[in-house]
Amino acid sequence: MSNGTATINARNITDKEFFYGHKACAGCGGSLAVRLILKVLGERTFTVIPAGCMSAVGFIYPQMCFLNNAIISTFPGTASMLSGIAAAAKALGLKDYHVVGIAGDGGTADIGLQALSGAIDRRDRIIYICYDNEAYMNTGIQKSGLTPFGARTTTTPAGDNIPGTVTQKKNMFEIVAAHGIDYAATASIGYIQDFINKVQKASRVEGTSYIHVFAPCPTGWGIPEDSTIDIAKEVVDCGLWYLAEFEQGEFILNKNPKEFSPVEEYLKKQSRFKHLSCEDINTIISSRDKKWEKIRKAWKIK
């Protein structure tokens, strides 16, 4: 299905489910991302999931939640296992298949970065997708390299003297692009068609693809279970996340808001940010503005 020329959308996407019956929290953004990914890629897909939320909720014997071939990898080994599967499939002469890894932010930006870097360097024909919920949610909401400034986690508590997390979120999209990867993209489950388009595009790449999808976690963020999609859309609209692609050595911005929605409204809807002062919020806005100034000067805008 994903190799066809027609764009997959809500009208023609398959009714078949490849990830169902899982035990994820209500409103889980990561589980929605996995469901969409596998609907686009289809049944002939080898899926690698490292230790993390999706392996914890999807591989509960005897109720396995993946219809296609799926396996749990070591925490740091998602990309290296993808490389091994891709090599084996090629050696066996298999046709019409995909090899996809789906890892969280900690398993990507921290623990799994070395293996991912190596896979990109080799140009292995794999798709690596990071579902980013901005902390190590499965083990108790600890800070990861993708936790944003100001967020309260169990390892970066907010108090009178600190605003929670004091570091900035790693720029994984540009880190991956710096490798000269064949295709990379950012996405959000708040903009589902854009995400579907990018997964489908990645499925056609003869090399390594990377997609970084923003996937809110109601449990870790302190938001209502039915607000996941709204929050994932709002983060793009307020400019704290962007939709972009990298291919043929060029950065392309897919959505360029004329005006940003209020950052404070986005932050204050989440209990992990409710402690922030006006000064903290201004720091976040200033960082956003500097980033967008760079993007609009240097990137191609669709």
C-alpha atoms as a PDB file:
ATOM      1  CA  MET A   1       0.000   0.000   0.000  1.00  0.00           C
ATOM      2  CA  SER A   2       2.666   2.520   0.971  1.00  0.00           C
ATOM      3  CA  ASN A   3       4.539   2.094  -2.320  1.00  0.00           C
ATOM      4  CA  GLY A   4       1.597   3.271  -4.412  1.00  0.00           C
ATOM      5  CA  THR A   5       1.448   6.677  -6.025  1.00  0.00           C
ATOM      6  CA  ALA A   6      -1.837   7.709  -4.417  1.00  0.00           C
ATOM      7  CA  THR A   7      -1.649   9.713  -1.202  1.00  0.00           C
ATOM      8  CA  ILE A   8      -3.084   7.885   1.795  1.00  0.00           C
ATOM      9  CA  ASN A   9      -5.742   9.867   3.636  1.00  0.00           C
ATOM     10  CA  ALA A  10      -8.727   9.413   5.942  1.00  0.00           C
ATOM     11  CA  ARG A  11     -10.912   8.270   3.041  1.00  0.00           C
ATOM     12  CA  ASN A  12      -8.704   5.501   1.702  1.00  0.00           C
ATOM     13  CA  ILE A  13      -6.535   4.382   4.618  1.00  0.00           C
ATOM     14  CA  THR A  14      -6.985   0.714   5.452  1.00  0.00           C
ATOM     15  CA  ASP A  15      -9.540  -0.380   8.039  1.00  0.00           C
ATOM     16  CA  LYS A  16      -7.179  -3.164   9.056  1.00  0.00           C
ATOM     17  CA  GLU A  17      -5.521  -2.726  12.452  1.00  0.00           C
ATOM     18  CA  PHE A  18      -1.901  -3.791  12.992  1.00  0.00           C
ATOM     19  CA  PHE A  19      -1.583  -2.464  16.556  1.00  0.00           C
ATOM     20  CA  TYR A  20      -4.598  -2.965  18.782  1.00  0.00           C
ATOM     21  CA  GLY A  21      -5.613  -4.220  22.210  1.00  0.00           C
ATOM     22  CA  HIS A  22      -2.638  -2.533  23.863  1.00  0.00           C
ATOM     23  CA  LYS A  23      -2.522  -1.388  27.480  1.00  0.00           C
ATOM     24  CA  ALA A  24      -1.389   2.200  26.942  1.00  0.00           C
ATOM     25  CA  CYS A  25      -2.767   4.998  29.083  1.00  0.00           C
ATOM     26  CA  ALA A  26      -5.917   6.737  27.858  1.00  0.00           C
ATOM     27  CA  GLY A  27      -5.061   9.429  25.340  1.00  0.00           C
ATOM     28  CA  CYS A  28      -1.538   8.085  24.684  1.00  0.00           C
ATOM     29  CA  GLY A  29       0.042   9.978  21.802  1.00  0.00           C
ATOM     30  CA  GLY A  30       2.692   7.334  21.243  1.00  0.00           C
ATOM     31  CA  SER A  31       0.168   4.548  20.685  1.00  0.00           C
ATOM     32  CA  LEU A  32      -1.717   6.665  18.151  1.00  0.00           C
ATOM     33  CA  ALA A  33       1.541   7.280  16.294  1.00  0.00           C
ATOM     34  CA  VAL A  34       2.309   3.543  16.176  1.00  0.00           C
ATOM     35  CA  ARG A  35      -1.197   2.743  14.940  1.00  0.00           C
ATOM     36  CA  LEU A  36      -0.906   5.252  12.090  1.00  0.00           C
ATOM     37  CA  ILE A  37       2.631   4.202  11.136  1.00  0.00           C
ATOM     38  CA  LEU A  38       1.655   0.566  10.711  1.00  0.00           C
ATOM     39  CA  LYS A  39      -1.545   1.402   8.839  1.00  0.00           C
ATOM     40  CA  VAL A  40       0.575   3.275   6.293  1.00  0.00           C
ATOM     41  CA  LEU A  41       3.376   0.706   6.014  1.00  0.00           C
ATOM     42  CA  GLY A  42       1.096  -2.335   5.995  1.00  0.00           C
ATOM     43  CA  GLU A  43       1.387  -5.999   6.850  1.00  0.00           C
ATOM     44  CA  ARG A  44       4.782  -6.689   5.234  1.00  0.00           C
ATOM     45  CA  THR A  45       6.603  -4.640   7.842  1.00  0.00           C
ATOM     46  CA  PHE A  46       9.261  -5.763  10.307  1.00  0.00           C
ATOM     47  CA  THR A  47       8.880  -3.627  13.441  1.00  0.00           C
ATOM     48  CA  VAL A  48      11.484  -3.077  16.149  1.00  0.00           C
ATOM     49  CA  ILE A  49      10.436  -1.535  19.478  1.00  0.00           C
ATOM     50  CA  PRO A  50      13.013  -0.948  22.224  1.00  0.00           C
ATOM     51  CA  ALA A  51      12.396  -0.987  25.955  1.00  0.00           C
ATOM     52  CA  GLY A  52       9.918   1.785  26.634  1.00  0.00           C
ATOM     53  CA  CYS A  53       6.224   2.586  26.684  1.00  0.00           C
ATOM     54  CA  MET A  54       5.257   0.838  23.457  1.00  0.00           C
ATOM     55  CA  SER A  55       7.052  -2.408  24.272  1.00  0.00           C
ATOM     56  CA  ALA A  56       5.607  -2.349  27.791  1.00  0.00           C
ATOM     57  CA  VAL A  57       2.031  -1.946  26.565  1.00  0.00           C
ATOM     58  CA  GLY A  58       2.273  -3.957  23.338  1.00  0.00           C
ATOM     59  CA  PHE A  59       4.044  -7.189  24.292  1.00  0.00           C
ATOM     60  CA  ILE A  60       2.021  -8.517  27.222  1.00  0.00           C
ATOM     61  CA  TYR A  61       1.901 -12.311  26.965  1.00  0.00           C
ATOM     62  CA  PRO A  62      -0.337 -13.905  25.889  1.00  0.00           C
ATOM     63  CA  GLN A  63      -1.992 -10.828  24.358  1.00  0.00           C
ATOM     64  CA  MET A  64       0.392  -9.555  21.681  1.00  0.00           C
ATOM     65  CA  CYS A  65      -0.770  -6.326  20.098  1.00  0.00           C
ATOM     66  CA  PHE A  66       1.141  -6.353  16.802  1.00  0.00           C
ATOM     67  CA  LEU A  67      -0.386  -8.113  13.803  1.00  0.00           C
ATOM     68  CA  ASN A  68       2.786  -7.828  11.733  1.00  0.00           C
ATOM     69  CA  ASN A  69       6.239  -9.132  12.671  1.00  0.00           C
ATOM     70  CA  ALA A  70       7.478  -7.204  15.715  1.00  0.00           C
ATOM     71  CA  ILE A  71      10.292  -7.633  18.210  1.00  0.00           C
ATOM     72  CA  ILE A  72      11.632  -5.882  21.302  1.00  0.00           C
ATOM     73  CA  SER A  73      15.220  -4.686  21.062  1.00  0.00           C
ATOM     74  CA  THR A  74      17.650  -3.621  23.740  1.00  0.00           C
ATOM     75  CA  PHE A  75      17.217  -0.014  24.814  1.00  0.00           C
ATOM     76  CA  PRO A  76      20.284   1.256  22.898  1.00  0.00           C
ATOM     77  CA  GLY A  77      19.967  -1.197  20.018  1.00  0.00           C
ATOM     78  CA  THR A  78      16.910  -0.185  17.984  1.00  0.00           C
ATOM     79  CA  ALA A  79      18.826   1.026  14.933  1.00  0.00           C
ATOM     80  CA  SER A  80      21.423  -1.746  15.030  1.00  0.00           C
ATOM     81  CA  MET A  81      18.681  -4.379  15.118  1.00  0.00           C
ATOM     82  CA  LEU A  82      16.967  -2.618  12.209  1.00  0.00           C
ATOM     83  CA  SER A  83      20.246  -2.831  10.303  1.00  0.00           C
ATOM     84  CA  GLY A  84      20.508  -6.546  10.985  1.00  0.00           C
ATOM     85  CA  ILE A  85      16.931  -7.215   9.869  1.00  0.00           C
ATOM     86  CA  ALA A  86      17.430  -5.155   6.702  1.00  0.00           C
ATOM     87  CA  ALA A  87      20.604  -7.102   5.878  1.00  0.00           C
ATOM     88  CA  ALA A  88      18.865 -10.433   6.481  1.00  0.00           C
ATOM     89  CA  ALA A  89      15.856  -9.483   4.357  1.00  0.00           C
ATOM     90  CA  LYS A  90      18.154  -8.448   1.512  1.00  0.00           C
ATOM     91  CA  ALA A  91      20.151 -11.684   1.800  1.00  0.00           C
ATOM     92  CA  LEU A  92      16.930 -13.707   1.633  1.00  0.00           C
ATOM     93  CA  GLY A  93      15.854 -11.825  -1.477  1.00  0.00           C
ATOM     94  CA  LEU A  94      12.648 -10.540   0.075  1.00  0.00           C
ATOM     95  CA  LYS A  95      10.603  -8.028  -1.913  1.00  0.00           C
ATOM     96  CA  ASP A  96       7.986  -5.442  -1.017  1.00  0.00           C
ATOM     97  CA  TYR A  97       8.692  -5.011   2.693  1.00  0.00           C
ATOM     98  CA  HIS A  98       9.600  -2.297   5.206  1.00  0.00           C
ATOM     99  CA  VAL A  99      11.851  -2.289   8.252  1.00  0.00           C
ATOM    100  CA  VAL A 100      10.768   0.270  10.850  1.00  0.00           C
ATOM    101  CA  GLY A 101      11.956   1.119  14.343  1.00  0.00           C
ATOM    102  CA  ILE A 102       9.689   3.046  16.680  1.00  0.00           C
ATOM    103  CA  ALA A 103      11.418   4.430  19.772  1.00  0.00           C
ATOM    104  CA  GLY A 104      10.732   7.054  22.408  1.00  0.00           C
ATOM    105  CA  ASP A 105      12.687  10.232  23.040  1.00  0.00           C
ATOM    106  CA  GLY A 106      15.066   8.720  25.593  1.00  0.00           C
ATOM    107  CA  GLY A 107      15.670   5.646  23.460  1.00  0.00           C
ATOM    108  CA  THR A 108      16.458   7.921  20.519  1.00  0.00           C
ATOM    109  CA  ALA A 109      18.164  11.117  21.669  1.00  0.00           C
ATOM    110  CA  ASP A 110      20.067   9.551  24.574  1.00  0.00           C
ATOM    111  CA  ILE A 111      20.471   5.791  24.808  1.00  0.00           C
ATOM    112  CA  GLY A 112      19.982   4.927  21.127  1.00  0.00           C
ATOM    113  CA  LEU A 113      21.835   7.787  19.446  1.00  0.00           C
ATOM    114  CA  GLN A 114      25.055   5.893  18.695  1.00  0.00           C
ATOM    115  CA  ALA A 115      23.332   3.047  16.854  1.00  0.00           C
ATOM    116  CA  LEU A 116      21.127   5.481  14.941  1.00  0.00           C
ATOM    117  CA  SER A 117      24.179   7.481  13.863  1.00  0.00           C
ATOM    118  CA  GLY A 118      25.861   4.328  12.586  1.00  0.00           C
ATOM    119  CA  ALA A 119      22.805   3.217  10.607  1.00  0.00           C
ATOM    120  CA  ILE A 120      22.558   6.611   8.910  1.00  0.00           C
ATOM    121  CA  ASP A 121      26.269   6.528   8.121  1.00  0.00           C
ATOM    122  CA  ARG A 122      25.841   3.149   6.388  1.00  0.00           C
ATOM    123  CA  ARG A 123      22.699   4.344   4.536  1.00  0.00           C
ATOM    124  CA  ASP A 124      20.849   1.229   5.654  1.00  0.00           C
ATOM    125  CA  ARG A 125      17.403   0.950   4.083  1.00  0.00           C
ATOM    126  CA  ILE A 126      15.402   1.439   7.270  1.00  0.00           C
ATOM    127  CA  ILE A 127      12.848   3.833   8.705  1.00  0.00           C
ATOM    128  CA  TYR A 128      13.479   5.135  12.222  1.00  0.00           C
ATOM    129  CA  ILE A 129      10.622   6.949  13.946  1.00  0.00           C
ATOM    130  CA  CYS A 130      10.916   8.715  17.298  1.00  0.00           C
ATOM    131  CA  TYR A 131       7.662   9.288  19.166  1.00  0.00           C
ATOM    132  CA  ASP A 132       8.573  12.199  21.380  1.00  0.00           C
ATOM    133  CA  ASN A 133       6.683  12.569  24.661  1.00  0.00           C
ATOM    134  CA  GLU A 134       9.532  14.596  26.144  1.00  0.00           C
ATOM    135  CA  ALA A 135      10.554  12.368  29.071  1.00  0.00           C
ATOM    136  CA  TYR A 136      11.206   8.768  30.138  1.00  0.00           C
ATOM    137  CA  MET A 137       7.522   8.104  30.769  1.00  0.00           C
ATOM    138  CA  ASN A 138       7.608   4.317  31.125  1.00  0.00           C
ATOM    139  CA  THR A 139       9.978   4.384  34.098  1.00  0.00           C
ATOM    140  CA  GLY A 140       8.476   7.240  36.059  1.00  0.00           C
ATOM    141  CA  ILE A 141       8.621  10.541  34.115  1.00  0.00           C
ATOM    142  CA  GLN A 142      12.351  11.241  34.305  1.00  0.00           C
ATOM    143  CA  LYS A 143      14.064  13.924  32.217  1.00  0.00           C
ATOM    144  CA  SER A 144      15.423  12.923  28.801  1.00  0.00           C
ATOM    145  CA  GLY A 145      17.541  14.809  26.310  1.00  0.00           C
ATOM    146  CA  LEU A 146      14.308  15.929  24.663  1.00  0.00           C
ATOM    147  CA  THR A 147      12.650  17.333  27.784  1.00  0.00           C
ATOM    148  CA  PRO A 148      12.081  21.063  27.178  1.00  0.00           C
ATOM    149  CA  PHE A 149      13.240  23.916  29.372  1.00  0.00           C
ATOM    150  CA  GLY A 150      11.018  24.456  32.404  1.00  0.00           C
ATOM    151  CA  ALA A 151       9.290  21.074  32.422  1.00  0.00           C
ATOM    152  CA  ARG A 152       8.864  19.447  35.822  1.00  0.00           C
ATOM    153  CA  THR A 153       9.860  15.779  35.934  1.00  0.00           C
ATOM    154  CA  THR A 154      10.693  13.430  38.788  1.00  0.00           C
ATOM    155  CA  THR A 155      14.403  14.074  38.230  1.00  0.00           C
ATOM    156  CA  THR A 156      14.031  17.809  37.558  1.00  0.00           C
ATOM    157  CA  PRO A 157      11.595  18.974  40.230  1.00  0.00           C
ATOM    158  CA  ALA A 158      10.444  22.580  40.282  1.00  0.00           C
ATOM    159  CA  GLY A 159      11.189  24.644  43.374  1.00  0.00           C
ATOM    160  CA  ASP A 160      11.890  28.129  44.614  1.00  0.00           C
ATOM    161  CA  ASN A 161      15.317  28.228  42.990  1.00  0.00           C
ATOM    162  CA  ILE A 162      14.940  26.210  39.773  1.00  0.00           C
ATOM    163  CA  PRO A 163      12.209  26.125  37.079  1.00  0.00           C
ATOM    164  CA  GLY A 164      12.297  22.360  36.612  1.00  0.00           C
ATOM    165  CA  THR A 165      14.429  21.348  33.626  1.00  0.00           C
ATOM    166  CA  VAL A 166      17.200  23.903  33.074  1.00  0.00           C
ATOM    167  CA  THR A 167      18.534  22.569  29.738  1.00  0.00           C
ATOM    168  CA  GLN A 168      17.117  23.018  26.246  1.00  0.00           C
ATOM    169  CA  LYS A 169      15.605  20.238  24.154  1.00  0.00           C
ATOM    170  CA  LYS A 170      18.133  18.531  21.859  1.00  0.00           C
ATOM    171  CA  ASN A 171      17.609  19.359  18.187  1.00  0.00           C
ATOM    172  CA  MET A 172      17.432  15.774  16.941  1.00  0.00           C
ATOM    173  CA  PHE A 173      16.092  16.771  13.520  1.00  0.00           C
ATOM    174  CA  GLU A 174      19.170  18.842  12.723  1.00  0.00           C
ATOM    175  CA  ILE A 175      21.515  16.347  14.414  1.00  0.00           C
ATOM    176  CA  VAL A 176      20.206  13.647  12.087  1.00  0.00           C
ATOM    177  CA  ALA A 177      20.297  15.975   9.075  1.00  0.00           C
ATOM    178  CA  ALA A 178      23.956  16.765   9.814  1.00  0.00           C
ATOM    179  CA  HIS A 179      24.712  13.135   8.912  1.00  0.00           C
ATOM    180  CA  GLY A 180      23.542  13.797   5.344  1.00  0.00           C
ATOM    181  CA  ILE A 181      20.610  11.416   5.799  1.00  0.00           C
ATOM    182  CA  ASP A 182      18.515  10.511   2.759  1.00  0.00           C
ATOM    183  CA  TYR A 183      15.271  11.756   4.311  1.00  0.00           C
ATOM    184  CA  ALA A 184      14.301  13.272   7.651  1.00  0.00           C
ATOM    185  CA  ALA A 185      11.147  14.982   8.849  1.00  0.00           C
ATOM    186  CA  THR A 186       9.372  16.375  11.870  1.00  0.00           C
ATOM    187  CA  ALA A 187       5.682  15.762  12.472  1.00  0.00           C
ATOM    188  CA  SER A 188       2.966  15.951  15.101  1.00  0.00           C
ATOM    189  CA  ILE A 189      -0.051  13.786  15.772  1.00  0.00           C
ATOM    190  CA  GLY A 190      -1.955  17.073  15.878  1.00  0.00           C
ATOM    191  CA  TYR A 191      -1.450  17.236  12.105  1.00  0.00           C
ATOM    192  CA  ILE A 192      -2.256  13.666  11.156  1.00  0.00           C
ATOM    193  CA  GLN A 193      -2.339  14.023   7.373  1.00  0.00           C
ATOM    194  CA  ASP A 194       1.101  15.626   7.383  1.00  0.00           C
ATOM    195  CA  PHE A 195       2.402  12.726   9.498  1.00  0.00           C
ATOM    196  CA  ILE A 196       0.839  10.108   7.222  1.00  0.00           C
ATOM    197  CA  ASN A 197       2.328  11.821   4.162  1.00  0.00           C
ATOM    198  CA  LYS A 198       5.806  11.732   5.681  1.00  0.00           C
ATOM    199  CA  VAL A 199       5.613   8.068   6.688  1.00  0.00           C
ATOM    200  CA  GLN A 200       4.478   7.207   3.174  1.00  0.00           C
ATOM    201  CA  LYS A 201       7.310   9.283   1.695  1.00  0.00           C
ATOM    202  CA  ALA A 202       9.857   7.587   3.973  1.00  0.00           C
ATOM    203  CA  SER A 203       8.609   4.183   2.814  1.00  0.00           C
ATOM    204  CA  ARG A 204       9.782   4.972  -0.726  1.00  0.00           C
ATOM    205  CA  VAL A 205      13.297   6.087   0.200  1.00  0.00           C
ATOM    206  CA  GLU A 206      16.168   3.841  -0.911  1.00  0.00           C
ATOM    207  CA  GLY A 207      18.259   4.584   2.142  1.00  0.00           C
ATOM    208  CA  THR A 208      17.785   5.738   5.714  1.00  0.00           C
ATOM    209  CA  SER A 209      14.751   7.751   6.823  1.00  0.00           C
ATOM    210  CA  TYR A 210      14.083   9.427  10.158  1.00  0.00           C
ATOM    211  CA  ILE A 211      10.805  10.930  11.374  1.00  0.00           C
ATOM    212  CA  HIS A 212      10.451  12.761  14.678  1.00  0.00           C
ATOM    213  CA  VAL A 213       6.795  12.894  15.707  1.00  0.00           C
ATOM    214  CA  PHE A 214       5.511  14.978  18.619  1.00  0.00           C
ATOM    215  CA  ALA A 215       3.309  12.700  20.747  1.00  0.00           C
ATOM    216  CA  PRO A 216       1.874  14.104  24.019  1.00  0.00           C
ATOM    217  CA  CYS A 217       1.594  11.983  27.165  1.00  0.00           C
ATOM    218  CA  PRO A 218      -1.460  12.894  29.299  1.00  0.00           C
ATOM    219  CA  THR A 219      -0.074  10.998  32.305  1.00  0.00           C
ATOM    220  CA  GLY A 220       3.331  12.672  32.299  1.00  0.00           C
ATOM    221  CA  TRP A 221       2.197  16.109  31.172  1.00  0.00           C
ATOM    222  CA  GLY A 222      -0.855  16.505  33.380  1.00  0.00           C
ATOM    223  CA  ILE A 223      -3.425  17.086  30.641  1.00  0.00           C
ATOM    224  CA  PRO A 224      -6.917  15.595  30.114  1.00  0.00           C
ATOM    225  CA  GLU A 225      -6.953  12.320  28.206  1.00  0.00           C
ATOM    226  CA  ASP A 226      -9.147  13.802  25.464  1.00  0.00           C
ATOM    227  CA  SER A 227      -6.857  16.770  24.775  1.00  0.00           C
ATOM    228  CA  THR A 228      -3.891  14.936  23.215  1.00  0.00           C
ATOM    229  CA  ILE A 229      -4.628  15.921  19.616  1.00  0.00           C
ATOM    230  CA  ASP A 230      -5.434  19.518  20.567  1.00  0.00           C
ATOM    231  CA  ILE A 231      -2.177  19.920  22.506  1.00  0.00           C
ATOM    232  CA  ALA A 232      -0.204  18.316  19.669  1.00  0.00           C
ATOM    233  CA  LYS A 233      -1.709  20.830  17.258  1.00  0.00           C
ATOM    234  CA  GLU A 234      -1.251  23.782  19.589  1.00  0.00           C
ATOM    235  CA  VAL A 235       2.489  23.166  20.055  1.00  0.00           C
ATOM    236  CA  VAL A 236       2.916  23.690  16.308  1.00  0.00           C
ATOM    237  CA  ASP A 237       0.604  26.701  16.200  1.00  0.00           C
ATOM    238  CA  CYS A 238       2.465  28.461  19.022  1.00  0.00           C
ATOM    239  CA  GLY A 239       5.834  27.814  17.391  1.00  0.00           C
ATOM    240  CA  LEU A 240       7.400  25.517  19.970  1.00  0.00           C
ATOM    241  CA  TRP A 241       7.446  22.716  17.388  1.00  0.00           C
ATOM    242  CA  TYR A 242       7.686  22.935  13.620  1.00  0.00           C
ATOM    243  CA  LEU A 243       6.779  20.741  10.666  1.00  0.00           C
ATOM    244  CA  ALA A 244       9.727  20.322   8.310  1.00  0.00           C
ATOM    245  CA  GLU A 245      11.658  17.984   6.033  1.00  0.00           C
ATOM    246  CA  PHE A 246      15.279  17.447   5.036  1.00  0.00           C
ATOM    247  CA  GLU A 247      16.149  15.861   1.716  1.00  0.00           C
ATOM    248  CA  GLN A 248      18.856  16.251  -0.912  1.00  0.00           C
ATOM    249  CA  GLY A 249      20.797  18.408   1.534  1.00  0.00           C
ATOM    250  CA  GLU A 250      18.014  20.977   1.908  1.00  0.00           C
ATOM    251  CA  PHE A 251      15.797  21.980   4.836  1.00  0.00           C
ATOM    252  CA  ILE A 252      12.156  22.587   3.917  1.00  0.00           C
ATOM    253  CA  LEU A 253       9.609  24.201   6.235  1.00  0.00           C
ATOM    254  CA  ASN A 254       6.152  22.697   5.658  1.00  0.00           C
ATOM    255  CA  LYS A 255       4.130  25.139   7.750  1.00  0.00           C
ATOM    256  CA  ASN A 256       4.995  28.794   8.313  1.00  0.00           C
ATOM    257  CA  PRO A 257       2.485  30.431  10.691  1.00  0.00           C
ATOM    258  CA  LYS A 258       1.873  34.122  10.013  1.00  0.00           C
ATOM    259  CA  GLU A 259       1.191  34.578  13.700  1.00  0.00           C
ATOM    260  CA  PHE A 260       1.850  32.305  16.648  1.00  0.00           C
ATOM    261  CA  SER A 261      -0.857  31.391  19.120  1.00  0.00           C
ATOM    262  CA  PRO A 262       0.006  32.328  22.747  1.00  0.00           C
ATOM    263  CA  VAL A 263       2.802  30.229  24.226  1.00  0.00           C
ATOM    264  CA  GLU A 264       1.549  30.843  27.756  1.00  0.00           C
ATOM    265  CA  GLU A 265      -1.836  29.272  26.966  1.00  0.00           C
ATOM    266  CA  TYR A 266      -0.135  26.130  25.658  1.00  0.00           C
ATOM    267  CA  LEU A 267       2.143  25.846  28.698  1.00  0.00           C
ATOM    268  CA  LYS A 268      -0.442  26.567  31.377  1.00  0.00           C
ATOM    269  CA  LYS A 269      -2.726  23.770  30.155  1.00  0.00           C
ATOM    270  CA  GLN A 270      -0.099  21.277  31.372  1.00  0.00           C
ATOM    271  CA  SER A 271       0.607  20.683  35.049  1.00  0.00           C
ATOM    272  CA  ARG A 272       4.285  20.098  34.277  1.00  0.00           C
ATOM    273  CA  PHE A 273       4.556  23.805  33.384  1.00  0.00           C
ATOM    274  CA  LYS A 274       2.132  25.437  35.844  1.00  0.00           C
ATOM    275  CA  HIS A 275       4.932  26.568  38.153  1.00  0.00           C
ATOM    276  CA  LEU A 276       6.622  28.705  35.484  1.00  0.00           C
ATOM    277  CA  SER A 277       7.101  32.399  36.184  1.00  0.00           C
ATOM    278  CA  CYS A 278       6.652  35.182  33.642  1.00  0.00           C
ATOM    279  CA  GLU A 279      10.433  35.306  33.344  1.00  0.00           C
ATOM    280  CA  ASP A 280      10.587  31.582  32.568  1.00  0.00           C
ATOM    281  CA  ILE A 281       7.888  31.928  29.906  1.00  0.00           C
ATOM    282  CA  ASN A 282       9.710  34.885  28.358  1.00  0.00           C
ATOM    283  CA  THR A 283      12.861  32.750  28.196  1.00  0.00           C
ATOM    284  CA  ILE A 284      10.927  30.084  26.283  1.00  0.00           C
ATOM    285  CA  ILE A 285       9.451  32.670  23.903  1.00  0.00           C
ATOM    286  CA  SER A 286      12.865  34.239  23.300  1.00  0.00           C
ATOM    287  CA  SER A 287      14.355  30.841  22.464  1.00  0.00           C
ATOM    288  CA  ARG A 288      11.465  30.159  20.080  1.00  0.00           C
ATOM    289  CA  ASP A 289      11.906  33.493  18.301  1.00  0.00           C
ATOM    290  CA  LYS A 290      15.641  32.965  17.792  1.00  0.00           C
ATOM    291  CA  LYS A 291      14.981  29.529  16.332  1.00  0.00           C
ATOM    292  CA  TRP A 292      12.350  30.815  13.925  1.00  0.00           C
ATOM    293  CA  GLU A 293      14.528  33.706  12.831  1.00  0.00           C
ATOM    294  CA  LYS A 294      17.164  31.168  11.784  1.00  0.00           C
ATOM    295  CA  ILE A 295      14.624  28.894  10.079  1.00  0.00           C
ATOM    296  CA  ARG A 296      13.010  31.655   8.036  1.00  0.00           C
ATOM    297  CA  LYS A 297      16.363  32.969   6.859  1.00  0.00           C
ATOM    298  CA  ALA A 298      18.011  29.679   5.943  1.00  0.00           C
ATOM    299  CA  TRP A 299      15.311  27.138   5.067  1.00  0.00           C
ATOM    300  CA  LYS A 300      13.150  26.748   1.991  1.00  0.00           C
ATOM    301  CA  ILE A 301       9.489  27.487   2.764  1.00  0.00           C
ATOM    302  CA  LYS A 302       6.769  25.514   1.009  1.00  0.00           C
END
